[in-house]
Amino acid sequence: MLLLRFALVLLLIVSGVCFGVYAFTRDQRYLRWGWVILKWSLSAALIFFGILVLERLL
């Protein structure tokens, strides 16, 4: 669980850095990578909270 939390926080930080680099350079590839990483981090968050809900139910 701790590893999943760490990965989630790391994904959010990397996504924020990509958006920041895009704001600085206006290079579209950083914006595209930021959105892809953000989608993966939201997926990881849903899995994490789904596991927490399943633990409560079981």
N, C-alpha and C. Protein backbone atom coordinates (compact mmCIF):
# COMPACT_ATOMS: atom_id res chain seq x y z
N MET A 1 0.82 -1.19 0.00
CA MET A 1 0.00 0.00 0.00
C MET A 1 0.87 1.26 0.00
N LEU A 2 1.95 1.21 0.75
CA LEU A 2 2.84 2.36 0.82
C LEU A 2 3.48 2.64 -0.54
N LEU A 3 3.81 1.57 -1.25
CA LEU A 3 4.41 1.72 -2.57
C LEU A 3 3.43 2.34 -3.55
N LEU A 4 2.17 1.95 -3.46
CA LEU A 4 1.15 2.51 -4.34
C LEU A 4 0.92 3.99 -4.04
N ARG A 5 0.94 4.35 -2.78
CA ARG A 5 0.82 5.78 -2.42
C ARG A 5 1.98 6.58 -2.96
N PHE A 6 3.19 6.02 -2.80
CA PHE A 6 4.38 6.71 -3.29
C PHE A 6 4.31 6.89 -4.81
N ALA A 7 3.89 5.85 -5.53
CA ALA A 7 3.77 5.93 -6.99
C ALA A 7 2.74 6.97 -7.40
N LEU A 8 1.63 7.04 -6.67
CA LEU A 8 0.59 8.01 -6.99
C LEU A 8 1.09 9.45 -6.81
N VAL A 9 1.76 9.70 -5.71
CA VAL A 9 2.30 11.05 -5.46
C VAL A 9 3.36 11.39 -6.50
N LEU A 10 4.20 10.42 -6.84
CA LEU A 10 5.24 10.65 -7.84
C LEU A 10 4.63 10.95 -9.21
N LEU A 11 3.58 10.24 -9.59
CA LEU A 11 2.91 10.51 -10.86
C LEU A 11 2.31 11.91 -10.89
N LEU A 12 1.71 12.33 -9.80
CA LEU A 12 1.13 13.67 -9.75
C LEU A 12 2.21 14.75 -9.85
N ILE A 13 3.34 14.53 -9.19
CA ILE A 13 4.44 15.49 -9.25
C ILE A 13 5.00 15.58 -10.67
N VAL A 14 5.21 14.43 -11.31
CA VAL A 14 5.74 14.42 -12.68
C VAL A 14 4.76 15.10 -13.63
N SER A 15 3.47 14.87 -13.45
CA SER A 15 2.48 15.52 -14.28
C SER A 15 2.53 17.04 -14.11
N GLY A 16 2.64 17.49 -12.89
CA GLY A 16 2.75 18.92 -12.63
C GLY A 16 4.01 19.52 -13.25
N VAL A 17 5.11 18.78 -13.20
CA VAL A 17 6.35 19.26 -13.81
C VAL A 17 6.18 19.36 -15.32
N CYS A 18 5.52 18.38 -15.92
CA CYS A 18 5.29 18.44 -17.37
C CYS A 18 4.46 19.66 -17.74
N PHE A 19 3.41 19.95 -16.97
CA PHE A 19 2.60 21.14 -17.26
C PHE A 19 3.41 22.42 -17.05
N GLY A 20 4.27 22.42 -16.05
CA GLY A 20 5.13 23.59 -15.82
C GLY A 20 6.12 23.80 -16.95
N VAL A 21 6.72 22.72 -17.43
CA VAL A 21 7.66 22.83 -18.55
C VAL A 21 6.93 23.29 -19.80
N TYR A 22 5.69 22.81 -19.99
CA TYR A 22 4.90 23.27 -21.14
C TYR A 22 4.64 24.78 -21.03
N ALA A 23 4.31 25.25 -19.84
CA ALA A 23 4.04 26.67 -19.67
C ALA A 23 5.29 27.51 -19.95
N PHE A 24 6.44 26.94 -19.69
CA PHE A 24 7.69 27.66 -19.90
C PHE A 24 8.15 27.61 -21.36
N THR A 25 8.02 26.45 -22.01
CA THR A 25 8.56 26.28 -23.36
C THR A 25 7.52 26.33 -24.47
N ARG A 26 6.24 26.12 -24.15
CA ARG A 26 5.15 26.05 -25.13
C ARG A 26 5.34 24.90 -26.13
N ASP A 27 6.04 23.85 -25.70
CA ASP A 27 6.23 22.67 -26.55
C ASP A 27 5.07 21.71 -26.29
N GLN A 28 4.35 21.35 -27.33
CA GLN A 28 3.12 20.55 -27.20
C GLN A 28 3.36 19.15 -26.64
N ARG A 29 4.55 18.61 -26.82
CA ARG A 29 4.78 17.24 -26.34
C ARG A 29 4.73 17.17 -24.83
N TYR A 30 5.12 18.23 -24.13
CA TYR A 30 5.05 18.23 -22.67
C TYR A 30 3.60 18.28 -22.19
N LEU A 31 2.77 19.01 -22.90
CA LEU A 31 1.35 19.06 -22.56
C LEU A 31 0.72 17.68 -22.78
N ARG A 32 1.06 17.03 -23.89
CA ARG A 32 0.54 15.70 -24.17
C ARG A 32 1.00 14.70 -23.12
N TRP A 33 2.27 14.71 -22.76
CA TRP A 33 2.78 13.81 -21.73
C TRP A 33 2.14 14.10 -20.38
N GLY A 34 1.91 15.37 -20.08
CA GLY A 34 1.26 15.74 -18.81
C GLY A 34 -0.13 15.14 -18.70
N TRP A 35 -0.90 15.22 -19.80
CA TRP A 35 -2.25 14.65 -19.78
C TRP A 35 -2.22 13.14 -19.67
N VAL A 36 -1.29 12.49 -20.37
CA VAL A 36 -1.18 11.03 -20.30
C VAL A 36 -0.83 10.60 -18.87
N ILE A 37 0.13 11.26 -18.27
CA ILE A 37 0.54 10.91 -16.91
C ILE A 37 -0.58 11.21 -15.93
N LEU A 38 -1.30 12.31 -16.13
CA LEU A 38 -2.42 12.63 -15.25
C LEU A 38 -3.51 11.57 -15.34
N LYS A 39 -3.80 11.08 -16.55
CA LYS A 39 -4.79 10.01 -16.70
C LYS A 39 -4.35 8.75 -15.97
N TRP A 40 -3.08 8.40 -16.06
CA TRP A 40 -2.57 7.22 -15.37
C TRP A 40 -2.61 7.40 -13.85
N SER A 41 -2.32 8.60 -13.39
CA SER A 41 -2.35 8.83 -11.94
C SER A 41 -3.79 8.78 -11.41
N LEU A 42 -4.75 9.26 -12.19
CA LEU A 42 -6.15 9.14 -11.77
C LEU A 42 -6.60 7.69 -11.77
N SER A 43 -6.12 6.92 -12.73
CA SER A 43 -6.43 5.49 -12.74
C SER A 43 -5.84 4.80 -11.52
N ALA A 44 -4.61 5.15 -11.18
CA ALA A 44 -3.97 4.56 -10.01
C ALA A 44 -4.70 4.97 -8.73
N ALA A 45 -5.20 6.20 -8.68
CA ALA A 45 -5.95 6.65 -7.50
C ALA A 45 -7.26 5.88 -7.37
N LEU A 46 -7.94 5.65 -8.48
CA LEU A 46 -9.19 4.88 -8.44
C LEU A 46 -8.93 3.44 -7.97
N ILE A 47 -7.86 2.85 -8.44
CA ILE A 47 -7.50 1.50 -7.99
C ILE A 47 -7.18 1.50 -6.50
N PHE A 48 -6.43 2.49 -6.06
CA PHE A 48 -6.06 2.59 -4.65
C PHE A 48 -7.30 2.72 -3.77
N PHE A 49 -8.20 3.62 -4.12
CA PHE A 49 -9.40 3.80 -3.30
C PHE A 49 -10.35 2.62 -3.42
N GLY A 50 -10.34 1.95 -4.58
CA GLY A 50 -11.14 0.74 -4.72
C GLY A 50 -10.65 -0.36 -3.79
N ILE A 51 -9.34 -0.49 -3.66
CA ILE A 51 -8.77 -1.47 -2.73
C ILE A 51 -9.14 -1.12 -1.30
N LEU A 52 -9.11 0.16 -0.96
CA LEU A 52 -9.48 0.56 0.40
C LEU A 52 -10.95 0.24 0.70
N VAL A 53 -11.82 0.47 -0.27
CA VAL A 53 -13.24 0.16 -0.09
C VAL A 53 -13.45 -1.34 0.06
N LEU A 54 -12.75 -2.13 -0.76
CA LEU A 54 -12.88 -3.58 -0.67
C LEU A 54 -12.38 -4.11 0.69
N GLU A 55 -11.33 -3.50 1.23
CA GLU A 55 -10.85 -3.90 2.54
C GLU A 55 -11.90 -3.62 3.62
N ARG A 56 -12.57 -2.52 3.50
CA ARG A 56 -13.61 -2.18 4.48
C ARG A 56 -14.80 -3.14 4.39
N LEU A 57 -15.15 -3.51 3.16
CA LEU A 57 -16.30 -4.40 2.98
C LEU A 57 -16.00 -5.83 3.42
N LEU A 58 -14.78 -6.26 3.23
CA LEU A 58 -14.43 -7.63 3.59
C LEU A 58 -13.96 -7.66 5.01
